[in-house]
All heavy atoms as atom14 arrays in JSON, in Angstrom:
{
  "sequence": "LSHSLEVLKEATMGHVKQRRKKALELITPFLSNGGYYLICHENNRVL",
  "atom14_mask": [
    [1, 1, 1, 1, 1, 1, 1, 1, 0, 0, 0, 0, 0, 0],
    [1, 1, 1, 1, 1, 1, 0, 0, 0, 0, 0, 0, 0, 0],
    [1, 1, 1, 1, 1, 1, 1, 1, 1, 1, 0, 0, 0, 0],
    [1, 1, 1, 1, 1, 1, 0, 0, 0, 0, 0, 0, 0, 0],
    [1, 1, 1, 1, 1, 1, 1, 1, 0, 0, 0, 0, 0, 0],
    [1, 1, 1, 1, 1, 1, 1, 1, 1, 0, 0, 0, 0, 0],
    [1, 1, 1, 1, 1, 1, 1, 0, 0, 0, 0, 0, 0, 0],
    [1, 1, 1, 1, 1, 1, 1, 1, 0, 0, 0, 0, 0, 0],
    [1, 1, 1, 1, 1, 1, 1, 1, 1, 0, 0, 0, 0, 0],
    [1, 1, 1, 1, 1, 1, 1, 1, 1, 0, 0, 0, 0, 0],
    [1, 1, 1, 1, 1, 0, 0, 0, 0, 0, 0, 0, 0, 0],
    [1, 1, 1, 1, 1, 1, 1, 0, 0, 0, 0, 0, 0, 0],
    [1, 1, 1, 1, 1, 1, 1, 1, 0, 0, 0, 0, 0, 0],
    [1, 1, 1, 1, 0, 0, 0, 0, 0, 0, 0, 0, 0, 0],
    [1, 1, 1, 1, 1, 1, 1, 1, 1, 1, 0, 0, 0, 0],
    [1, 1, 1, 1, 1, 1, 1, 0, 0, 0, 0, 0, 0, 0],
    [1, 1, 1, 1, 1, 1, 1, 1, 1, 0, 0, 0, 0, 0],
    [1, 1, 1, 1, 1, 1, 1, 1, 1, 0, 0, 0, 0, 0],
    [1, 1, 1, 1, 1, 1, 1, 1, 1, 1, 1, 0, 0, 0],
    [1, 1, 1, 1, 1, 1, 1, 1, 1, 1, 1, 0, 0, 0],
    [1, 1, 1, 1, 1, 1, 1, 1, 1, 0, 0, 0, 0, 0],
    [1, 1, 1, 1, 1, 1, 1, 1, 1, 0, 0, 0, 0, 0],
    [1, 1, 1, 1, 1, 0, 0, 0, 0, 0, 0, 0, 0, 0],
    [1, 1, 1, 1, 1, 1, 1, 1, 0, 0, 0, 0, 0, 0],
    [1, 1, 1, 1, 1, 1, 1, 1, 1, 0, 0, 0, 0, 0],
    [1, 1, 1, 1, 1, 1, 1, 1, 0, 0, 0, 0, 0, 0],
    [1, 1, 1, 1, 1, 1, 1, 1, 0, 0, 0, 0, 0, 0],
    [1, 1, 1, 1, 1, 1, 1, 0, 0, 0, 0, 0, 0, 0],
    [1, 1, 1, 1, 1, 1, 1, 0, 0, 0, 0, 0, 0, 0],
    [1, 1, 1, 1, 1, 1, 1, 1, 1, 1, 1, 0, 0, 0],
    [1, 1, 1, 1, 1, 1, 1, 1, 0, 0, 0, 0, 0, 0],
    [1, 1, 1, 1, 1, 1, 0, 0, 0, 0, 0, 0, 0, 0],
    [1, 1, 1, 1, 1, 1, 1, 1, 0, 0, 0, 0, 0, 0],
    [1, 1, 1, 1, 0, 0, 0, 0, 0, 0, 0, 0, 0, 0],
    [1, 1, 1, 1, 0, 0, 0, 0, 0, 0, 0, 0, 0, 0],
    [1, 1, 1, 1, 1, 1, 1, 1, 1, 1, 1, 1, 0, 0],
    [1, 1, 1, 1, 1, 1, 1, 1, 1, 1, 1, 1, 0, 0],
    [1, 1, 1, 1, 1, 1, 1, 1, 0, 0, 0, 0, 0, 0],
    [1, 1, 1, 1, 1, 1, 1, 1, 0, 0, 0, 0, 0, 0],
    [1, 1, 1, 1, 1, 1, 0, 0, 0, 0, 0, 0, 0, 0],
    [1, 1, 1, 1, 1, 1, 1, 1, 1, 1, 0, 0, 0, 0],
    [1, 1, 1, 1, 1, 1, 1, 1, 1, 0, 0, 0, 0, 0],
    [1, 1, 1, 1, 1, 1, 1, 1, 0, 0, 0, 0, 0, 0],
    [1, 1, 1, 1, 1, 1, 1, 1, 0, 0, 0, 0, 0, 0],
    [1, 1, 1, 1, 1, 1, 1, 1, 1, 1, 1, 0, 0, 0],
    [1, 1, 1, 1, 1, 1, 1, 0, 0, 0, 0, 0, 0, 0],
    [1, 1, 1, 1, 1, 1, 1, 1, 0, 0, 0, 0, 0, 0]
  ],
  "atom14_positions": [
    [[95.79, 0.48, 9.16], [96.16, -0.77, 8.5], [97.67, -0.85, 8.26], [98.22, -1.95, 8.22], [95.39, -0.93, 7.19], [93.89, -1.14, 7.35], [93.21, -1.19, 5.99], [93.58, -2.37, 8.17], [0.0, 0.0, 0.0], [0.0, 0.0, 0.0], [0.0, 0.0, 0.0], [0.0, 0.0, 0.0], [0.0, 0.0, 0.0], [0.0, 0.0, 0.0]],
    [[98.33, 0.29, 8.16], [99.79, 0.26, 7.97], [100.5, -0.24, 9.24], [101.66, -0.62, 9.2], [100.33, 1.64, 7.58], [100.32, 2.53, 8.69], [0.0, 0.0, 0.0], [0.0, 0.0, 0.0], [0.0, 0.0, 0.0], [0.0, 0.0, 0.0], [0.0, 0.0, 0.0], [0.0, 0.0, 0.0], [0.0, 0.0, 0.0], [0.0, 0.0, 0.0]],
    [[99.79, -0.28, 10.36], [100.33, -0.8, 11.62], [99.94, -2.25, 11.86], [100.22, -2.81, 12.92], [99.81, 0.03, 12.81], [100.35, 1.41, 12.88], [101.55, 1.72, 13.47], [99.85, 2.58, 12.42], [101.76, 3.01, 13.39], [100.74, 3.56, 12.76], [0.0, 0.0, 0.0], [0.0, 0.0, 0.0], [0.0, 0.0, 0.0], [0.0, 0.0, 0.0]],
    [[99.28, -2.88, 10.87], [98.68, -4.2, 11.09], [99.69, -5.26, 11.52], [99.36, -6.13, 12.33], [97.91, -4.66, 9.85], [98.77, -4.75, 8.73], [0.0, 0.0, 0.0], [0.0, 0.0, 0.0], [0.0, 0.0, 0.0], [0.0, 0.0, 0.0], [0.0, 0.0, 0.0], [0.0, 0.0, 0.0], [0.0, 0.0, 0.0], [0.0, 0.0, 0.0]],
    [[100.9, -5.2, 11.02], [101.89, -6.21, 11.39], [102.31, -6.09, 12.85], [102.4, -7.09, 13.56], [103.11, -6.12, 10.47], [103.98, -7.36, 10.41], [103.17, -8.6, 10.05], [105.1, -7.17, 9.39], [0.0, 0.0, 0.0], [0.0, 0.0, 0.0], [0.0, 0.0, 0.0], [0.0, 0.0, 0.0], [0.0, 0.0, 0.0], [0.0, 0.0, 0.0]],
    [[102.55, -4.88, 13.33], [102.93, -4.72, 14.74], [101.76, -5.05, 15.67], [101.96, -5.63, 16.74], [103.5, -3.33, 15.01], [102.52, -2.19, 14.8], [103.2, -0.84, 14.68], [103.66, -0.52, 13.57], [103.23, -0.12, 15.69], [0.0, 0.0, 0.0], [0.0, 0.0, 0.0], [0.0, 0.0, 0.0], [0.0, 0.0, 0.0], [0.0, 0.0, 0.0]],
    [[100.53, -4.72, 15.25], [99.36, -5.06, 16.04], [99.22, -6.58, 16.13], [99.01, -7.13, 17.21], [98.08, -4.43, 15.45], [96.83, -4.95, 16.16], [98.15, -2.91, 15.51], [0.0, 0.0, 0.0], [0.0, 0.0, 0.0], [0.0, 0.0, 0.0], [0.0, 0.0, 0.0], [0.0, 0.0, 0.0], [0.0, 0.0, 0.0], [0.0, 0.0, 0.0]],
    [[99.37, -7.25, 14.98], [99.28, -8.72, 14.95], [100.32, -9.35, 15.86], [100.02, -10.26, 16.63], [99.45, -9.22, 13.52], [99.38, -10.72, 13.31], [97.97, -11.23, 13.6], [99.79, -11.08, 11.9], [0.0, 0.0, 0.0], [0.0, 0.0, 0.0], [0.0, 0.0, 0.0], [0.0, 0.0, 0.0], [0.0, 0.0, 0.0], [0.0, 0.0, 0.0]],
    [[101.53, -8.84, 15.81], [102.61, -9.39, 16.63], [102.3, -9.27, 18.12], [102.42, -10.23, 18.87], [103.92, -8.67, 16.3], [105.1, -9.19, 17.08], [106.36, -8.44, 16.71], [107.54, -8.96, 17.5], [108.76, -8.24, 17.18], [0.0, 0.0, 0.0], [0.0, 0.0, 0.0], [0.0, 0.0, 0.0], [0.0, 0.0, 0.0], [0.0, 0.0, 0.0]],
    [[101.88, -8.08, 18.54], [101.6, -7.87, 19.96], [100.35, -8.62, 20.41], [100.34, -9.23, 21.48], [101.41, -6.38, 20.26], [102.71, -5.64, 20.37], [102.51, -4.22, 20.88], [101.71, -4.02, 21.82], [103.17, -3.32, 20.35], [0.0, 0.0, 0.0], [0.0, 0.0, 0.0], [0.0, 0.0, 0.0], [0.0, 0.0, 0.0], [0.0, 0.0, 0.0]],
    [[99.29, -8.57, 19.61], [98.01, -9.13, 20.02], [98.02, -10.65, 20.1], [97.37, -11.23, 20.97], [96.91, -8.67, 19.07], [0.0, 0.0, 0.0], [0.0, 0.0, 0.0], [0.0, 0.0, 0.0], [0.0, 0.0, 0.0], [0.0, 0.0, 0.0], [0.0, 0.0, 0.0], [0.0, 0.0, 0.0], [0.0, 0.0, 0.0], [0.0, 0.0, 0.0]],
    [[98.75, -11.3, 19.21], [98.67, -12.76, 19.13], [99.8, -13.46, 19.88], [99.86, -14.69, 19.88], [98.67, -13.23, 17.67], [99.92, -12.9, 17.06], [97.51, -12.63, 16.9], [0.0, 0.0, 0.0], [0.0, 0.0, 0.0], [0.0, 0.0, 0.0], [0.0, 0.0, 0.0], [0.0, 0.0, 0.0], [0.0, 0.0, 0.0], [0.0, 0.0, 0.0]],
    [[100.65, -12.71, 20.51], [101.71, -13.28, 21.34], [102.54, -14.33, 20.6], [102.94, -15.34, 21.19], [101.1, -13.88, 22.62], [100.17, -12.95, 23.38], [100.93, -11.4, 23.9], [102.13, -11.99, 25.03], [0.0, 0.0, 0.0], [0.0, 0.0, 0.0], [0.0, 0.0, 0.0], [0.0, 0.0, 0.0], [0.0, 0.0, 0.0], [0.0, 0.0, 0.0]],
    [[102.74, -14.12, 19.31], [103.56, -15.04, 18.52], [102.85, -16.28, 18.01], [103.46, -17.13, 17.38], [0.0, 0.0, 0.0], [0.0, 0.0, 0.0], [0.0, 0.0, 0.0], [0.0, 0.0, 0.0], [0.0, 0.0, 0.0], [0.0, 0.0, 0.0], [0.0, 0.0, 0.0], [0.0, 0.0, 0.0], [0.0, 0.0, 0.0], [0.0, 0.0, 0.0]],
    [[101.54, -16.4, 18.25], [100.79, -17.57, 17.8], [100.37, -17.5, 16.34], [99.93, -18.5, 15.78], [99.55, -17.79, 18.67], [99.87, -18.27, 20.05], [100.15, -19.58, 20.34], [99.98, -17.59, 21.22], [100.41, -19.7, 21.62], [100.32, -18.51, 22.18], [0.0, 0.0, 0.0], [0.0, 0.0, 0.0], [0.0, 0.0, 0.0], [0.0, 0.0, 0.0]],
    [[100.47, -16.34, 15.72], [100.1, -16.17, 14.32], [101.34, -15.72, 13.56], [102.09, -14.87, 14.04], [98.96, -15.12, 14.17], [98.63, -14.88, 12.7], [97.72, -15.59, 14.92], [0.0, 0.0, 0.0], [0.0, 0.0, 0.0], [0.0, 0.0, 0.0], [0.0, 0.0, 0.0], [0.0, 0.0, 0.0], [0.0, 0.0, 0.0], [0.0, 0.0, 0.0]],
    [[101.54, -16.29, 12.38], [102.71, -15.93, 11.57], [102.69, -14.43, 11.28], [101.68, -13.87, 10.89], [102.73, -16.71, 10.26], [103.04, -18.17, 10.48], [103.25, -18.88, 9.16], [103.57, -20.33, 9.47], [104.07, -21.05, 8.34], [0.0, 0.0, 0.0], [0.0, 0.0, 0.0], [0.0, 0.0, 0.0], [0.0, 0.0, 0.0], [0.0, 0.0, 0.0]],
    [[103.85, -13.84, 11.46], [103.98, -12.4, 11.3], [104.22, -12.01, 9.85], [105.34, -11.72, 9.45], [105.13, -11.9, 12.2], [105.03, -12.33, 13.64], [103.76, -11.86, 14.3], [103.49, -10.68, 14.33], [102.99, -12.79, 14.83], [0.0, 0.0, 0.0], [0.0, 0.0, 0.0], [0.0, 0.0, 0.0], [0.0, 0.0, 0.0], [0.0, 0.0, 0.0]],
    [[103.15, -12.02, 9.08], [103.23, -11.6, 7.67], [102.15, -10.56, 7.44], [101.02, -10.69, 7.9], [102.99, -12.8, 6.75], [104.05, -13.88, 6.85], [103.87, -14.96, 5.78], [102.52, -15.21, 5.37], [101.77, -16.26, 5.77], [102.26, -17.14, 6.61], [100.54, -16.41, 5.32], [0.0, 0.0, 0.0], [0.0, 0.0, 0.0], [0.0, 0.0, 0.0]],
    [[102.51, -9.52, 6.71], [101.53, -8.45, 6.41], [100.31, -9.02, 5.72], [99.18, -8.65, 6.03], [102.19, -7.36, 5.57], [101.24, -6.22, 5.27], [101.98, -4.95, 4.93], [101.1, -3.94, 4.41], [100.22, -3.24, 5.12], [100.11, -3.46, 6.41], [99.46, -2.32, 4.59], [0.0, 0.0, 0.0], [0.0, 0.0, 0.0], [0.0, 0.0, 0.0]],
    [[100.52, -9.96, 4.8], [99.4, -10.57, 4.08], [98.45, -11.25, 5.06], [97.24, -11.12, 4.95], [99.91, -11.57, 3.05], [98.82, -12.23, 2.25], [99.38, -13.22, 1.25], [98.24, -13.92, 0.52], [98.67, -15.0, -0.32], [0.0, 0.0, 0.0], [0.0, 0.0, 0.0], [0.0, 0.0, 0.0], [0.0, 0.0, 0.0], [0.0, 0.0, 0.0]],
    [[98.99, -11.94, 6.04], [98.17, -12.62, 7.05], [97.4, -11.6, 7.88], [96.21, -11.79, 8.17], [99.05, -13.49, 7.96], [98.28, -14.29, 8.96], [97.37, -15.27, 8.26], [96.71, -16.23, 9.2], [95.79, -17.12, 8.52], [0.0, 0.0, 0.0], [0.0, 0.0, 0.0], [0.0, 0.0, 0.0], [0.0, 0.0, 0.0], [0.0, 0.0, 0.0]],
    [[98.05, -10.53, 8.25], [97.4, -9.49, 9.04], [96.2, -8.91, 8.28], [95.12, -8.74, 8.83], [98.4, -8.38, 9.38], [0.0, 0.0, 0.0], [0.0, 0.0, 0.0], [0.0, 0.0, 0.0], [0.0, 0.0, 0.0], [0.0, 0.0, 0.0], [0.0, 0.0, 0.0], [0.0, 0.0, 0.0], [0.0, 0.0, 0.0], [0.0, 0.0, 0.0]],
    [[96.39, -8.65, 7.0], [95.3, -8.1, 6.19], [94.2, -9.13, 5.94], [93.02, -8.78, 5.89], [95.84, -7.54, 4.88], [96.76, -6.32, 5.04], [97.33, -5.9, 3.69], [96.03, -5.16, 5.72], [0.0, 0.0, 0.0], [0.0, 0.0, 0.0], [0.0, 0.0, 0.0], [0.0, 0.0, 0.0], [0.0, 0.0, 0.0], [0.0, 0.0, 0.0]],
    [[94.56, -10.41, 5.84], [93.55, -11.47, 5.68], [92.64, -11.53, 6.89], [91.46, -11.86, 6.78], [94.22, -12.84, 5.51], [94.81, -13.1, 4.17], [95.6, -14.42, 4.13], [95.66, -15.15, 5.14], [96.18, -14.69, 3.07], [0.0, 0.0, 0.0], [0.0, 0.0, 0.0], [0.0, 0.0, 0.0], [0.0, 0.0, 0.0], [0.0, 0.0, 0.0]],
    [[93.18, -11.25, 8.05], [92.38, -11.3, 9.28], [91.45, -10.09, 9.41], [90.35, -10.21, 9.93], [93.31, -11.39, 10.5], [94.08, -12.69, 10.65], [95.13, -12.58, 11.75], [93.13, -13.85, 10.93], [0.0, 0.0, 0.0], [0.0, 0.0, 0.0], [0.0, 0.0, 0.0], [0.0, 0.0, 0.0], [0.0, 0.0, 0.0], [0.0, 0.0, 0.0]],
    [[91.89, -8.93, 8.94], [91.12, -7.71, 9.16], [90.17, -7.36, 8.0], [89.13, -6.73, 8.21], [92.05, -6.52, 9.48], [91.3, -5.44, 10.25], [92.7, -5.95, 8.26], [90.86, -5.84, 11.62], [0.0, 0.0, 0.0], [0.0, 0.0, 0.0], [0.0, 0.0, 0.0], [0.0, 0.0, 0.0], [0.0, 0.0, 0.0], [0.0, 0.0, 0.0]],
    [[90.49, -7.8, 6.79], [89.66, -7.44, 5.63], [88.21, -7.89, 5.75], [87.3, -7.08, 5.49], [90.31, -7.96, 4.33], [91.6, -7.36, 4.2], [89.47, -7.62, 3.11], [0.0, 0.0, 0.0], [0.0, 0.0, 0.0], [0.0, 0.0, 0.0], [0.0, 0.0, 0.0], [0.0, 0.0, 0.0], [0.0, 0.0, 0.0], [0.0, 0.0, 0.0]],
    [[87.92, -9.13, 6.16], [86.5, -9.52, 6.29], [85.74, -8.65, 7.31], [84.58, -8.32, 7.1], [86.56, -10.97, 6.76], [87.91, -11.45, 6.36], [88.81, -10.25, 6.42], [0.0, 0.0, 0.0], [0.0, 0.0, 0.0], [0.0, 0.0, 0.0], [0.0, 0.0, 0.0], [0.0, 0.0, 0.0], [0.0, 0.0, 0.0], [0.0, 0.0, 0.0]],
    [[86.4, -8.28, 8.39], [85.79, -7.42, 9.4], [85.37, -6.09, 8.78], [84.23, -5.63, 8.95], [86.79, -7.23, 10.55], [86.59, -5.98, 11.35], [85.52, -5.86, 12.22], [87.49, -4.93, 11.25], [85.34, -4.7, 12.97], [87.31, -3.78, 11.99], [86.24, -3.66, 12.85], [0.0, 0.0, 0.0], [0.0, 0.0, 0.0], [0.0, 0.0, 0.0]],
    [[86.26, -5.46, 8.04], [85.94, -4.17, 7.42], [84.91, -4.33, 6.31], [84.03, -3.47, 6.15], [87.22, -3.51, 6.88], [88.23, -3.06, 7.94], [89.53, -2.61, 7.29], [87.64, -1.96, 8.81], [0.0, 0.0, 0.0], [0.0, 0.0, 0.0], [0.0, 0.0, 0.0], [0.0, 0.0, 0.0], [0.0, 0.0, 0.0], [0.0, 0.0, 0.0]],
    [[84.98, -5.41, 5.56], [84.03, -5.66, 4.47], [82.62, -5.91, 4.96], [81.65, -5.71, 4.22], [84.48, -6.85, 3.63], [85.72, -6.59, 3.03], [0.0, 0.0, 0.0], [0.0, 0.0, 0.0], [0.0, 0.0, 0.0], [0.0, 0.0, 0.0], [0.0, 0.0, 0.0], [0.0, 0.0, 0.0], [0.0, 0.0, 0.0], [0.0, 0.0, 0.0]],
    [[82.48, -6.37, 6.2], [81.16, -6.67, 6.76], [80.64, -5.56, 7.67], [79.86, -5.83, 8.59], [81.21, -8.0, 7.51], [81.35, -9.16, 6.56], [80.74, -9.18, 5.5], [82.17, -10.12, 6.92], [0.0, 0.0, 0.0], [0.0, 0.0, 0.0], [0.0, 0.0, 0.0], [0.0, 0.0, 0.0], [0.0, 0.0, 0.0], [0.0, 0.0, 0.0]],
    [[81.08, -4.34, 7.44], [80.55, -3.2, 8.19], [81.33, -2.81, 9.43], [80.93, -1.88, 10.13], [0.0, 0.0, 0.0], [0.0, 0.0, 0.0], [0.0, 0.0, 0.0], [0.0, 0.0, 0.0], [0.0, 0.0, 0.0], [0.0, 0.0, 0.0], [0.0, 0.0, 0.0], [0.0, 0.0, 0.0], [0.0, 0.0, 0.0], [0.0, 0.0, 0.0]],
    [[82.43, -3.5, 9.72], [83.25, -3.12, 10.86], [83.93, -1.79, 10.61], [84.1, -1.37, 9.47], [0.0, 0.0, 0.0], [0.0, 0.0, 0.0], [0.0, 0.0, 0.0], [0.0, 0.0, 0.0], [0.0, 0.0, 0.0], [0.0, 0.0, 0.0], [0.0, 0.0, 0.0], [0.0, 0.0, 0.0], [0.0, 0.0, 0.0], [0.0, 0.0, 0.0]],
    [[84.32, -1.14, 11.69], [84.96, 0.15, 11.56], [85.88, 0.37, 12.77], [85.85, -0.38, 13.74], [83.92, 1.28, 11.48], [82.93, 1.28, 12.62], [83.16, 2.02, 13.78], [81.75, 0.53, 12.53], [82.25, 2.01, 14.82], [80.83, 0.53, 13.57], [81.08, 1.26, 14.72], [80.19, 1.26, 15.75], [0.0, 0.0, 0.0], [0.0, 0.0, 0.0]],
    [[86.68, 1.41, 12.67], [87.57, 1.78, 13.77], [87.07, 3.06, 14.43], [86.63, 3.99, 13.76], [88.99, 2.03, 13.26], [89.72, 0.79, 12.84], [89.89, 0.47, 11.5], [90.25, -0.07, 13.79], [90.57, -0.66, 11.11], [90.93, -1.21, 13.42], [91.09, -1.5, 12.08], [91.76, -2.63, 11.71], [0.0, 0.0, 0.0], [0.0, 0.0, 0.0]],
    [[87.17, 3.08, 15.74], [87.06, 4.32, 16.5], [88.47, 4.71, 16.85], [89.28, 3.84, 17.21], [86.25, 4.11, 17.78], [84.79, 3.71, 17.62], [84.16, 3.48, 19.0], [84.02, 4.76, 16.85], [0.0, 0.0, 0.0], [0.0, 0.0, 0.0], [0.0, 0.0, 0.0], [0.0, 0.0, 0.0], [0.0, 0.0, 0.0], [0.0, 0.0, 0.0]],
    [[88.77, 5.98, 16.73], [90.13, 6.44, 17.05], [90.09, 7.4, 18.23], [89.12, 8.13, 18.43], [90.83, 7.12, 15.86], [90.04, 8.35, 15.4], [91.06, 6.15, 14.73], [90.81, 9.27, 14.47], [0.0, 0.0, 0.0], [0.0, 0.0, 0.0], [0.0, 0.0, 0.0], [0.0, 0.0, 0.0], [0.0, 0.0, 0.0], [0.0, 0.0, 0.0]],
    [[91.15, 7.37, 18.99], [91.39, 8.36, 20.02], [92.43, 9.31, 19.43], [93.5, 8.86, 18.99], [91.91, 7.7, 21.29], [92.29, 8.89, 22.59], [0.0, 0.0, 0.0], [0.0, 0.0, 0.0], [0.0, 0.0, 0.0], [0.0, 0.0, 0.0], [0.0, 0.0, 0.0], [0.0, 0.0, 0.0], [0.0, 0.0, 0.0], [0.0, 0.0, 0.0]],
    [[92.11, 10.59, 19.39], [93.05, 11.53, 18.78], [93.17, 12.79, 19.63], [92.29, 13.11, 20.43], [92.63, 11.87, 17.34], [91.33, 12.61, 17.25], [91.26, 13.96, 17.14], [90.06, 12.15, 17.29], [89.99, 14.33, 17.08], [89.24, 13.25, 17.18], [0.0, 0.0, 0.0], [0.0, 0.0, 0.0], [0.0, 0.0, 0.0], [0.0, 0.0, 0.0]],
    [[94.29, 13.46, 19.42], [94.58, 14.7, 20.12], [95.53, 15.5, 19.25], [96.53, 14.96, 18.76], [95.22, 14.38, 21.47], [95.41, 15.56, 22.37], [95.91, 15.13, 23.74], [97.06, 14.65, 23.81], [95.15, 15.25, 24.7], [0.0, 0.0, 0.0], [0.0, 0.0, 0.0], [0.0, 0.0, 0.0], [0.0, 0.0, 0.0], [0.0, 0.0, 0.0]],
    [[95.22, 16.76, 19.03], [96.07, 17.64, 18.2], [96.41, 17.0, 16.86], [97.58, 16.97, 16.45], [97.34, 18.03, 18.95], [97.06, 18.76, 20.23], [96.11, 19.54, 20.32], [97.85, 18.49, 21.26], [0.0, 0.0, 0.0], [0.0, 0.0, 0.0], [0.0, 0.0, 0.0], [0.0, 0.0, 0.0], [0.0, 0.0, 0.0], [0.0, 0.0, 0.0]],
    [[95.41, 16.45, 16.18], [95.58, 15.82, 14.86], [96.5, 14.6, 14.86], [97.02, 14.21, 13.82], [96.07, 16.83, 13.81], [95.01, 17.85, 13.5], [93.81, 17.55, 13.53], [95.43, 19.07, 13.2], [0.0, 0.0, 0.0], [0.0, 0.0, 0.0], [0.0, 0.0, 0.0], [0.0, 0.0, 0.0], [0.0, 0.0, 0.0], [0.0, 0.0, 0.0]],
    [[96.72, 14.0, 16.04], [97.51, 12.77, 16.13], [96.61, 11.65, 16.62], [95.87, 11.82, 17.59], [98.66, 12.92, 17.13], [99.8, 13.77, 16.69], [100.84, 13.77, 17.76], [100.17, 14.07, 19.03], [100.69, 14.75, 20.03], [101.89, 15.18, 19.97], [100.0, 14.99, 21.13], [0.0, 0.0, 0.0], [0.0, 0.0, 0.0], [0.0, 0.0, 0.0]],
    [[96.71, 10.51, 15.96], [95.99, 9.33, 16.42], [96.82, 8.68, 17.51], [98.0, 8.4, 17.32], [95.74, 8.34, 15.25], [95.15, 7.03, 15.76], [94.82, 8.96, 14.2], [0.0, 0.0, 0.0], [0.0, 0.0, 0.0], [0.0, 0.0, 0.0], [0.0, 0.0, 0.0], [0.0, 0.0, 0.0], [0.0, 0.0, 0.0], [0.0, 0.0, 0.0]],
    [[96.2, 8.45, 18.66], [96.89, 7.87, 19.81], [96.63, 6.36, 19.93], [97.45, 5.62, 20.47], [96.46, 8.55, 21.11], [96.44, 10.08, 21.13], [95.95, 10.58, 22.48], [97.79, 10.66, 20.78], [0.0, 0.0, 0.0], [0.0, 0.0, 0.0], [0.0, 0.0, 0.0], [0.0, 0.0, 0.0], [0.0, 0.0, 0.0], [0.0, 0.0, 0.0]]
  ]
}
């Protein structure tokens, strides 16, 4: 979630305002409704 602003910027190609609050507004309902992340990791680093 600390990367949410850079993810929003890249994913939306500038169509969504680049504000951390907006990024969290988009992702919070997903997580609240049972969504989750799968991570790819190697040597204790998330890739």
